[in-house]
N, C-alpha and C. Protein backbone atom coordinates (compact mmCIF):
# COMPACT_ATOMS: atom_id res chain seq x y z
N MET A 1 6.15 16.39 -13.59
CA MET A 1 6.66 15.23 -12.86
C MET A 1 6.70 15.54 -11.36
N ARG A 2 6.24 14.59 -10.56
CA ARG A 2 6.27 14.77 -9.11
C ARG A 2 7.71 14.69 -8.61
N GLY A 3 7.96 15.39 -7.51
CA GLY A 3 9.31 15.45 -6.96
C GLY A 3 9.67 14.23 -6.13
N ASP A 4 10.78 14.36 -5.43
CA ASP A 4 11.25 13.29 -4.56
C ASP A 4 10.22 13.00 -3.48
N LEU A 5 10.24 11.78 -2.99
CA LEU A 5 9.34 11.32 -1.94
C LEU A 5 10.08 11.27 -0.62
N TRP A 6 9.45 11.76 0.43
CA TRP A 6 9.99 11.61 1.78
C TRP A 6 9.16 10.56 2.51
N VAL A 7 9.83 9.70 3.26
CA VAL A 7 9.19 8.63 4.04
C VAL A 7 9.63 8.80 5.48
N PHE A 8 8.66 8.83 6.42
CA PHE A 8 8.99 8.96 7.84
C PHE A 8 9.03 7.58 8.47
N GLY A 9 10.19 7.23 9.06
CA GLY A 9 10.36 5.96 9.76
C GLY A 9 10.46 6.18 11.25
N TYR A 10 9.73 5.40 12.02
CA TYR A 10 9.72 5.55 13.48
C TYR A 10 9.93 4.22 14.20
N GLY A 11 9.88 3.11 13.48
CA GLY A 11 10.06 1.77 14.04
C GLY A 11 11.05 1.01 13.17
N SER A 12 10.63 -0.13 12.65
CA SER A 12 11.54 -0.96 11.86
C SER A 12 12.02 -0.29 10.58
N LEU A 13 11.27 0.68 10.07
CA LEU A 13 11.76 1.41 8.89
C LEU A 13 13.07 2.13 9.19
N MET A 14 13.32 2.48 10.45
CA MET A 14 14.57 3.17 10.79
C MET A 14 15.77 2.26 10.57
N TRP A 15 15.65 0.99 10.93
CA TRP A 15 16.80 0.09 10.86
C TRP A 15 16.71 -0.93 9.74
N ARG A 16 15.57 -1.01 9.06
CA ARG A 16 15.43 -1.90 7.90
C ARG A 16 14.45 -1.28 6.91
N PRO A 17 14.88 -0.20 6.24
CA PRO A 17 13.93 0.47 5.34
C PRO A 17 13.48 -0.42 4.18
N GLY A 18 14.40 -1.16 3.57
CA GLY A 18 14.02 -2.07 2.50
C GLY A 18 13.82 -1.42 1.14
N PHE A 19 14.19 -0.16 1.01
CA PHE A 19 14.08 0.54 -0.26
C PHE A 19 15.30 1.44 -0.44
N GLU A 20 15.56 1.78 -1.70
CA GLU A 20 16.68 2.66 -2.02
C GLU A 20 16.32 4.10 -1.69
N PHE A 21 17.25 4.81 -1.08
CA PHE A 21 17.00 6.22 -0.75
C PHE A 21 18.25 7.04 -1.01
N LEU A 22 18.04 8.33 -1.20
CA LEU A 22 19.14 9.25 -1.49
C LEU A 22 19.82 9.75 -0.22
N GLU A 23 19.01 9.94 0.82
CA GLU A 23 19.55 10.41 2.10
C GLU A 23 18.58 10.06 3.20
N LYS A 24 19.11 10.03 4.42
CA LYS A 24 18.26 9.87 5.60
C LYS A 24 18.68 10.91 6.60
N ARG A 25 17.65 11.50 7.25
CA ARG A 25 17.91 12.60 8.17
C ARG A 25 17.05 12.46 9.42
N PRO A 26 17.59 12.85 10.57
CA PRO A 26 16.77 12.84 11.77
C PRO A 26 15.59 13.79 11.58
N ALA A 27 14.42 13.38 12.07
CA ALA A 27 13.21 14.15 11.81
C ALA A 27 12.24 14.02 12.98
N ARG A 28 11.28 14.95 13.02
CA ARG A 28 10.23 14.93 14.04
C ARG A 28 8.88 15.15 13.37
N LEU A 29 7.94 14.30 13.76
CA LEU A 29 6.55 14.43 13.34
C LEU A 29 5.76 14.95 14.53
N ASN A 30 5.06 16.04 14.37
CA ASN A 30 4.20 16.56 15.42
C ASN A 30 2.77 16.07 15.21
N GLY A 31 2.07 15.83 16.32
CA GLY A 31 0.68 15.40 16.25
C GLY A 31 0.47 13.91 16.38
N ALA A 32 1.56 13.14 16.48
CA ALA A 32 1.48 11.69 16.67
C ALA A 32 2.71 11.23 17.44
N HIS A 33 2.56 10.14 18.18
CA HIS A 33 3.68 9.61 18.96
C HIS A 33 3.85 8.12 18.66
N ARG A 34 5.07 7.64 18.91
CA ARG A 34 5.40 6.23 18.76
C ARG A 34 4.74 5.45 19.90
N ALA A 35 4.00 4.40 19.56
CA ALA A 35 3.34 3.60 20.60
C ALA A 35 3.33 2.13 20.19
N LEU A 36 3.57 1.28 21.13
CA LEU A 36 3.48 -0.17 20.93
C LEU A 36 2.01 -0.53 21.08
N CYS A 37 1.25 -0.35 19.99
CA CYS A 37 -0.22 -0.40 20.09
C CYS A 37 -0.90 -1.18 18.98
N VAL A 38 -0.13 -1.98 18.23
CA VAL A 38 -0.70 -2.74 17.13
C VAL A 38 -0.47 -4.22 17.37
N ILE A 39 -1.54 -4.98 17.48
CA ILE A 39 -1.45 -6.43 17.60
C ILE A 39 -1.01 -6.97 16.24
N SER A 40 0.09 -7.73 16.22
CA SER A 40 0.65 -8.24 14.97
C SER A 40 0.26 -9.69 14.75
N HIS A 41 -0.41 -9.93 13.62
CA HIS A 41 -0.80 -11.28 13.22
C HIS A 41 0.05 -11.80 12.07
N VAL A 42 0.94 -10.95 11.53
CA VAL A 42 1.71 -11.33 10.35
C VAL A 42 3.21 -11.15 10.60
N HIS A 43 3.69 -9.92 10.71
CA HIS A 43 5.13 -9.66 10.75
C HIS A 43 5.80 -10.14 12.03
N ARG A 44 5.18 -9.94 13.19
CA ARG A 44 5.82 -10.30 14.47
C ARG A 44 4.95 -11.20 15.34
N GLY A 45 3.96 -11.83 14.73
CA GLY A 45 3.09 -12.75 15.45
C GLY A 45 2.19 -13.49 14.48
N THR A 46 1.32 -14.30 15.02
CA THR A 46 0.33 -15.04 14.23
C THR A 46 -1.02 -14.84 14.90
N PRO A 47 -2.12 -15.20 14.23
CA PRO A 47 -3.42 -15.09 14.90
C PRO A 47 -3.48 -15.92 16.20
N GLU A 48 -2.77 -17.06 16.22
CA GLU A 48 -2.77 -17.91 17.41
C GLU A 48 -1.88 -17.36 18.52
N LYS A 49 -0.77 -16.76 18.15
CA LYS A 49 0.19 -16.18 19.10
C LYS A 49 0.57 -14.78 18.61
N PRO A 50 -0.31 -13.82 18.81
CA PRO A 50 -0.04 -12.48 18.30
C PRO A 50 1.12 -11.80 19.02
N GLY A 51 1.81 -10.97 18.25
CA GLY A 51 2.87 -10.12 18.80
C GLY A 51 2.35 -8.70 18.90
N LEU A 52 3.26 -7.76 19.09
CA LEU A 52 2.90 -6.36 19.26
C LEU A 52 3.94 -5.51 18.54
N VAL A 53 3.46 -4.59 17.70
CA VAL A 53 4.37 -3.71 16.96
C VAL A 53 3.97 -2.25 17.15
N LEU A 54 4.83 -1.38 16.67
CA LEU A 54 4.64 0.04 16.84
C LEU A 54 3.66 0.63 15.83
N GLY A 55 3.02 1.68 16.27
CA GLY A 55 2.18 2.49 15.40
C GLY A 55 2.38 3.94 15.77
N LEU A 56 2.02 4.82 14.88
CA LEU A 56 1.98 6.24 15.18
C LEU A 56 0.57 6.53 15.67
N ASP A 57 0.43 6.81 16.95
CA ASP A 57 -0.88 7.07 17.55
C ASP A 57 -1.03 8.58 17.74
N ARG A 58 -2.23 9.05 17.78
CA ARG A 58 -2.47 10.50 17.81
C ARG A 58 -2.01 11.15 19.12
N GLY A 59 -1.57 12.40 18.95
CA GLY A 59 -1.11 13.19 20.09
C GLY A 59 0.39 13.17 20.26
N GLY A 60 0.93 14.27 20.74
CA GLY A 60 2.35 14.36 21.04
C GLY A 60 3.20 14.55 19.80
N SER A 61 4.43 14.02 19.87
CA SER A 61 5.33 14.10 18.73
C SER A 61 6.21 12.86 18.71
N CYS A 62 6.87 12.65 17.59
CA CYS A 62 7.70 11.45 17.42
C CYS A 62 8.97 11.81 16.68
N HIS A 63 10.10 11.44 17.25
CA HIS A 63 11.38 11.57 16.58
C HIS A 63 11.67 10.27 15.84
N GLY A 64 12.18 10.41 14.62
CA GLY A 64 12.52 9.26 13.81
C GLY A 64 13.47 9.67 12.71
N ILE A 65 13.33 9.02 11.56
CA ILE A 65 14.19 9.28 10.41
C ILE A 65 13.32 9.57 9.20
N ALA A 66 13.70 10.60 8.45
CA ALA A 66 13.06 10.89 7.17
C ALA A 66 14.01 10.44 6.06
N PHE A 67 13.50 9.62 5.17
CA PHE A 67 14.26 9.11 4.04
C PHE A 67 13.80 9.85 2.78
N ARG A 68 14.76 10.32 2.00
CA ARG A 68 14.41 10.97 0.72
C ARG A 68 14.65 9.97 -0.40
N VAL A 69 13.60 9.74 -1.16
CA VAL A 69 13.61 8.78 -2.26
C VAL A 69 13.56 9.56 -3.57
N ALA A 70 14.37 9.17 -4.53
CA ALA A 70 14.39 9.82 -5.84
C ALA A 70 13.01 9.75 -6.49
N ALA A 71 12.63 10.83 -7.17
CA ALA A 71 11.33 10.91 -7.83
C ALA A 71 11.08 9.71 -8.74
N LYS A 72 12.11 9.24 -9.42
CA LYS A 72 11.95 8.12 -10.35
C LYS A 72 11.55 6.82 -9.63
N ASN A 73 11.84 6.73 -8.32
CA ASN A 73 11.51 5.53 -7.55
C ASN A 73 10.26 5.70 -6.69
N ARG A 74 9.63 6.85 -6.78
CA ARG A 74 8.48 7.19 -5.93
C ARG A 74 7.40 6.10 -5.95
N ASP A 75 6.88 5.78 -7.13
CA ASP A 75 5.78 4.81 -7.22
C ASP A 75 6.20 3.43 -6.74
N LEU A 76 7.42 3.03 -7.06
CA LEU A 76 7.93 1.73 -6.64
C LEU A 76 8.01 1.64 -5.12
N VAL A 77 8.50 2.70 -4.47
CA VAL A 77 8.64 2.70 -3.01
C VAL A 77 7.26 2.74 -2.34
N ILE A 78 6.34 3.54 -2.87
CA ILE A 78 4.98 3.57 -2.31
C ILE A 78 4.36 2.18 -2.41
N GLN A 79 4.53 1.52 -3.55
CA GLN A 79 3.99 0.16 -3.70
C GLN A 79 4.62 -0.79 -2.67
N TYR A 80 5.94 -0.72 -2.51
CA TYR A 80 6.64 -1.55 -1.53
C TYR A 80 6.11 -1.28 -0.11
N LEU A 81 5.98 0.00 0.24
CA LEU A 81 5.50 0.34 1.59
C LEU A 81 4.09 -0.16 1.83
N ARG A 82 3.24 -0.06 0.83
CA ARG A 82 1.87 -0.57 0.99
C ARG A 82 1.85 -2.07 1.20
N GLU A 83 2.69 -2.80 0.46
CA GLU A 83 2.77 -4.25 0.64
C GLU A 83 3.31 -4.60 2.02
N ARG A 84 4.23 -3.82 2.52
CA ARG A 84 4.85 -4.08 3.82
C ARG A 84 3.97 -3.63 4.99
N GLU A 85 3.47 -2.41 4.92
CA GLU A 85 2.77 -1.81 6.05
C GLU A 85 1.27 -2.07 6.07
N GLN A 86 0.70 -2.38 4.93
CA GLN A 86 -0.76 -2.47 4.83
C GLN A 86 -1.27 -3.90 4.67
N VAL A 87 -0.52 -4.88 5.14
CA VAL A 87 -0.91 -6.28 5.01
C VAL A 87 -2.31 -6.50 5.58
N THR A 88 -2.61 -5.89 6.71
CA THR A 88 -3.92 -6.05 7.34
C THR A 88 -4.69 -4.73 7.42
N SER A 89 -4.19 -3.71 6.77
CA SER A 89 -4.83 -2.38 6.71
C SER A 89 -5.01 -1.73 8.08
N VAL A 90 -4.08 -1.99 9.01
CA VAL A 90 -4.16 -1.41 10.34
C VAL A 90 -3.64 0.03 10.37
N TYR A 91 -2.93 0.43 9.31
CA TYR A 91 -2.40 1.79 9.24
C TYR A 91 -3.13 2.61 8.20
N LEU A 92 -3.16 3.91 8.43
CA LEU A 92 -3.69 4.86 7.47
C LEU A 92 -2.50 5.55 6.82
N GLU A 93 -2.42 5.47 5.51
CA GLU A 93 -1.33 6.11 4.79
C GLU A 93 -1.67 7.59 4.62
N LYS A 94 -0.85 8.45 5.21
CA LYS A 94 -1.10 9.89 5.17
C LYS A 94 0.20 10.64 4.87
N PHE A 95 0.07 11.77 4.22
CA PHE A 95 1.21 12.67 4.07
C PHE A 95 1.09 13.73 5.16
N ARG A 96 2.16 13.89 5.94
CA ARG A 96 2.21 14.84 7.03
C ARG A 96 3.48 15.68 6.93
N LEU A 97 3.43 16.88 7.48
CA LEU A 97 4.63 17.70 7.54
C LEU A 97 5.55 17.17 8.61
N VAL A 98 6.81 17.03 8.25
CA VAL A 98 7.85 16.50 9.14
C VAL A 98 8.98 17.51 9.17
N ASP A 99 9.48 17.80 10.36
CA ASP A 99 10.60 18.72 10.52
C ASP A 99 11.92 17.95 10.46
N LEU A 100 12.79 18.33 9.53
CA LEU A 100 14.13 17.76 9.48
C LEU A 100 14.96 18.46 10.55
N LEU A 101 15.71 17.68 11.31
CA LEU A 101 16.36 18.23 12.49
C LEU A 101 17.85 18.50 12.32
N ASP A 102 18.33 18.43 11.10
CA ASP A 102 19.74 18.77 10.86
C ASP A 102 19.84 19.59 9.58
N GLY A 103 21.04 20.00 9.27
CA GLY A 103 21.26 20.75 8.04
C GLY A 103 20.41 22.00 7.95
N ASP A 104 19.62 22.10 6.89
CA ASP A 104 18.80 23.30 6.67
C ASP A 104 17.53 23.33 7.53
N ARG A 105 17.30 22.29 8.30
CA ARG A 105 16.15 22.20 9.21
C ARG A 105 14.84 22.51 8.48
N ALA A 106 14.71 21.94 7.30
CA ALA A 106 13.52 22.17 6.48
C ALA A 106 12.31 21.41 7.01
N ARG A 107 11.17 21.78 6.52
CA ARG A 107 9.93 21.06 6.78
C ARG A 107 9.50 20.45 5.45
N VAL A 108 9.28 19.12 5.46
CA VAL A 108 8.92 18.41 4.24
C VAL A 108 7.64 17.61 4.46
N SER A 109 6.95 17.33 3.38
CA SER A 109 5.78 16.46 3.42
C SER A 109 6.26 15.02 3.23
N ALA A 110 5.95 14.17 4.19
CA ALA A 110 6.43 12.78 4.17
C ALA A 110 5.27 11.82 4.31
N VAL A 111 5.39 10.68 3.66
CA VAL A 111 4.39 9.64 3.85
C VAL A 111 4.62 9.02 5.23
N CYS A 112 3.52 8.86 5.96
CA CYS A 112 3.54 8.31 7.32
C CYS A 112 2.45 7.25 7.41
N TYR A 113 2.68 6.27 8.26
CA TYR A 113 1.68 5.23 8.49
C TYR A 113 1.16 5.36 9.92
N LEU A 114 -0.03 5.96 10.04
CA LEU A 114 -0.68 6.21 11.32
C LEU A 114 -1.60 5.06 11.66
N VAL A 115 -1.64 4.67 12.92
CA VAL A 115 -2.50 3.57 13.32
C VAL A 115 -3.98 3.97 13.18
N ASP A 116 -4.77 3.04 12.71
CA ASP A 116 -6.22 3.23 12.61
C ASP A 116 -6.83 2.76 13.93
N ARG A 117 -7.24 3.70 14.76
CA ARG A 117 -7.78 3.36 16.08
C ARG A 117 -9.07 2.55 16.00
N GLY A 118 -9.74 2.53 14.87
CA GLY A 118 -10.96 1.76 14.71
C GLY A 118 -10.71 0.33 14.23
N HIS A 119 -9.46 -0.01 13.95
CA HIS A 119 -9.11 -1.34 13.45
C HIS A 119 -9.07 -2.33 14.60
N VAL A 120 -9.47 -3.57 14.33
CA VAL A 120 -9.52 -4.61 15.36
C VAL A 120 -8.14 -4.89 15.97
N GLN A 121 -7.06 -4.61 15.25
CA GLN A 121 -5.71 -4.86 15.76
C GLN A 121 -5.15 -3.73 16.62
N TYR A 122 -5.88 -2.65 16.74
CA TYR A 122 -5.43 -1.56 17.62
C TYR A 122 -5.62 -2.01 19.06
N SER A 123 -4.53 -1.99 19.83
CA SER A 123 -4.59 -2.51 21.20
C SER A 123 -4.92 -1.44 22.22
N GLY A 124 -4.84 -0.17 21.84
CA GLY A 124 -5.05 0.89 22.81
C GLY A 124 -3.91 0.91 23.81
N MET A 125 -4.23 1.28 25.02
CA MET A 125 -3.22 1.41 26.06
C MET A 125 -3.10 0.12 26.87
N LEU A 126 -2.09 -0.66 26.58
CA LEU A 126 -1.79 -1.85 27.37
C LEU A 126 -0.82 -1.48 28.48
N THR A 127 -0.85 -2.21 29.57
CA THR A 127 0.14 -2.00 30.63
C THR A 127 1.50 -2.49 30.11
N PRO A 128 2.58 -2.03 30.70
CA PRO A 128 3.89 -2.55 30.30
C PRO A 128 3.99 -4.07 30.43
N GLU A 129 3.37 -4.63 31.45
CA GLU A 129 3.40 -6.08 31.64
C GLU A 129 2.63 -6.79 30.53
N GLU A 130 1.50 -6.22 30.09
CA GLU A 130 0.75 -6.81 28.97
C GLU A 130 1.55 -6.72 27.68
N GLN A 131 2.21 -5.59 27.47
CA GLN A 131 3.07 -5.45 26.29
C GLN A 131 4.16 -6.51 26.29
N LEU A 132 4.80 -6.69 27.44
CA LEU A 132 5.87 -7.67 27.56
C LEU A 132 5.37 -9.07 27.24
N ALA A 133 4.20 -9.44 27.69
CA ALA A 133 3.65 -10.77 27.42
C ALA A 133 3.46 -10.98 25.92
N TYR A 134 2.90 -10.00 25.23
CA TYR A 134 2.74 -10.10 23.78
C TYR A 134 4.10 -10.24 23.09
N VAL A 135 5.03 -9.36 23.45
CA VAL A 135 6.33 -9.33 22.78
C VAL A 135 7.09 -10.63 22.99
N LYS A 136 7.07 -11.18 24.20
CA LYS A 136 7.82 -12.39 24.50
C LYS A 136 7.35 -13.58 23.66
N ARG A 137 6.07 -13.65 23.34
CA ARG A 137 5.57 -14.83 22.61
C ARG A 137 5.49 -14.62 21.11
N GLY A 138 5.60 -13.39 20.64
CA GLY A 138 5.38 -13.09 19.23
C GLY A 138 6.50 -13.53 18.31
N HIS A 139 6.14 -14.18 17.22
CA HIS A 139 7.06 -14.56 16.15
C HIS A 139 6.26 -14.67 14.87
N GLY A 140 6.66 -13.91 13.85
CA GLY A 140 5.92 -13.91 12.59
C GLY A 140 6.83 -13.97 11.39
N GLN A 141 6.30 -13.59 10.24
CA GLN A 141 7.04 -13.68 8.98
C GLN A 141 8.33 -12.87 8.97
N SER A 142 8.38 -11.78 9.71
CA SER A 142 9.57 -10.92 9.72
C SER A 142 10.51 -11.23 10.88
N GLY A 143 10.20 -12.26 11.66
CA GLY A 143 11.08 -12.65 12.76
C GLY A 143 10.39 -12.55 14.11
N ASN A 144 11.21 -12.70 15.16
CA ASN A 144 10.61 -12.70 16.49
C ASN A 144 10.44 -11.29 17.03
N ASN A 145 9.43 -11.16 17.87
CA ASN A 145 9.03 -9.87 18.41
C ASN A 145 10.10 -9.26 19.33
N PRO A 146 10.78 -10.05 20.19
CA PRO A 146 11.82 -9.43 21.01
C PRO A 146 12.92 -8.76 20.18
N ASP A 147 13.33 -9.38 19.07
CA ASP A 147 14.37 -8.78 18.22
C ASP A 147 13.90 -7.44 17.66
N TYR A 148 12.62 -7.35 17.31
CA TYR A 148 12.04 -6.11 16.78
C TYR A 148 12.16 -4.99 17.80
N VAL A 149 11.80 -5.27 19.04
CA VAL A 149 11.87 -4.25 20.10
C VAL A 149 13.32 -3.86 20.36
N LEU A 150 14.21 -4.84 20.47
CA LEU A 150 15.61 -4.56 20.76
C LEU A 150 16.27 -3.77 19.63
N ALA A 151 15.99 -4.12 18.38
CA ALA A 151 16.57 -3.39 17.25
C ALA A 151 16.03 -1.96 17.18
N THR A 152 14.77 -1.78 17.53
CA THR A 152 14.20 -0.43 17.53
C THR A 152 14.85 0.43 18.61
N VAL A 153 15.02 -0.12 19.79
CA VAL A 153 15.67 0.63 20.88
C VAL A 153 17.10 0.99 20.48
N GLU A 154 17.81 0.06 19.86
CA GLU A 154 19.17 0.34 19.41
C GLU A 154 19.19 1.47 18.38
N ALA A 155 18.26 1.43 17.43
CA ALA A 155 18.18 2.49 16.41
C ALA A 155 17.86 3.84 17.06
N LEU A 156 16.96 3.84 18.04
CA LEU A 156 16.62 5.08 18.74
C LEU A 156 17.83 5.62 19.48
N HIS A 157 18.55 4.74 20.16
CA HIS A 157 19.74 5.19 20.90
C HIS A 157 20.78 5.77 19.96
N SER A 158 20.93 5.19 18.75
CA SER A 158 21.92 5.70 17.80
C SER A 158 21.58 7.13 17.36
N LEU A 159 20.30 7.50 17.49
CA LEU A 159 19.86 8.85 17.16
C LEU A 159 19.79 9.77 18.38
N GLY A 160 20.12 9.22 19.55
CA GLY A 160 20.05 10.00 20.77
C GLY A 160 18.63 10.16 21.29
N ILE A 161 17.75 9.22 20.92
CA ILE A 161 16.34 9.28 21.31
C ILE A 161 16.09 8.29 22.43
N ARG A 162 15.41 8.75 23.46
CA ARG A 162 15.04 7.88 24.59
C ARG A 162 13.54 7.59 24.52
N ASP A 163 13.20 6.34 24.68
CA ASP A 163 11.80 5.91 24.76
C ASP A 163 11.72 5.00 25.98
N ARG A 164 11.30 5.56 27.08
CA ARG A 164 11.35 4.84 28.36
C ARG A 164 10.53 3.55 28.36
N GLY A 165 9.39 3.57 27.69
CA GLY A 165 8.57 2.36 27.63
C GLY A 165 9.26 1.23 26.88
N LEU A 166 9.84 1.54 25.73
CA LEU A 166 10.56 0.52 24.96
C LEU A 166 11.83 0.09 25.69
N GLU A 167 12.48 1.03 26.36
CA GLU A 167 13.69 0.68 27.11
C GLU A 167 13.35 -0.27 28.27
N TRP A 168 12.22 -0.06 28.92
CA TRP A 168 11.79 -0.95 30.01
C TRP A 168 11.61 -2.36 29.46
N LEU A 169 10.96 -2.47 28.30
CA LEU A 169 10.76 -3.78 27.68
C LEU A 169 12.10 -4.40 27.29
N ALA A 170 12.98 -3.61 26.69
CA ALA A 170 14.27 -4.12 26.24
C ALA A 170 15.08 -4.68 27.41
N GLU A 171 15.07 -4.00 28.52
CA GLU A 171 15.80 -4.49 29.69
C GLU A 171 15.29 -5.85 30.14
N ARG A 172 14.02 -6.08 30.06
CA ARG A 172 13.44 -7.35 30.47
C ARG A 172 13.63 -8.44 29.42
N LEU A 173 13.84 -8.05 28.17
CA LEU A 173 14.03 -9.02 27.10
C LEU A 173 15.48 -9.45 26.93
N LYS A 174 16.41 -8.63 27.34
CA LYS A 174 17.83 -8.90 27.08
C LYS A 174 18.29 -10.21 27.71
N GLY A 175 17.78 -10.56 28.86
CA GLY A 175 18.20 -11.78 29.51
C GLY A 175 17.44 -13.02 29.05
N GLU A 176 16.43 -12.83 28.22
CA GLU A 176 15.63 -13.95 27.74
C GLU A 176 16.43 -14.77 26.72
N ARG A 177 16.15 -16.07 26.71
CA ARG A 177 16.80 -16.89 25.69
C ARG A 177 16.14 -16.61 24.35
N PRO A 178 16.88 -16.82 23.25
CA PRO A 178 16.30 -16.55 21.93
C PRO A 178 15.14 -17.48 21.62
N PHE A 179 14.24 -17.01 20.81
CA PHE A 179 13.10 -17.79 20.34
C PHE A 179 13.63 -18.95 19.49
N THR A 180 13.06 -20.13 19.67
CA THR A 180 13.39 -21.27 18.81
C THR A 180 12.10 -21.83 18.24
N LEU A 181 12.23 -22.68 17.22
CA LEU A 181 11.05 -23.27 16.61
C LEU A 181 10.28 -24.13 17.61
N ARG A 182 10.96 -24.69 18.61
CA ARG A 182 10.26 -25.46 19.65
C ARG A 182 9.25 -24.60 20.41
N ASP A 183 9.54 -23.29 20.53
CA ASP A 183 8.64 -22.40 21.23
C ASP A 183 7.32 -22.21 20.48
N ALA A 184 7.33 -22.50 19.18
CA ALA A 184 6.12 -22.34 18.37
C ALA A 184 5.13 -23.47 18.60
N ASP A 185 5.57 -24.55 19.19
CA ASP A 185 4.66 -25.72 19.43
C ASP A 185 3.62 -25.45 20.48
């Protein structure tokens, strides 16, 4: 029987995992960094008004949360994550070594969703102003794009993690009025 499953969260999985877990621990993934580099046509935007979401892009490191899932729920959680993260196949599902940053400071193999740089939804390096334009107009099945950025920044702050790019966006979004259905017209 396969053992417990570890899942690495770096964006919305940190504050809305959507699956049952035994524990969550601060963690670091080396070899990839958090980047607002995925054009969203489903969760935080539409094809007509795309939003922008996070991906794990190559290089650097990323602090986030590792969730431990009971072995008996392994297949169920993998299926859930594929339905959630792979709607448009913009991510590559990979198992990577992740360092747990508390307790025994173990290194575990965790499922991670890395951005596919060859996918049409990969935005590459946008300027902060271009990112802001996408985020301000984005609204999809999972809600509006500004809420996604603000909730992610809040989750990062609760872990003592600073992300200057996301913080710059959050500061500009805080004074904005909330998205309404009239904005979709």
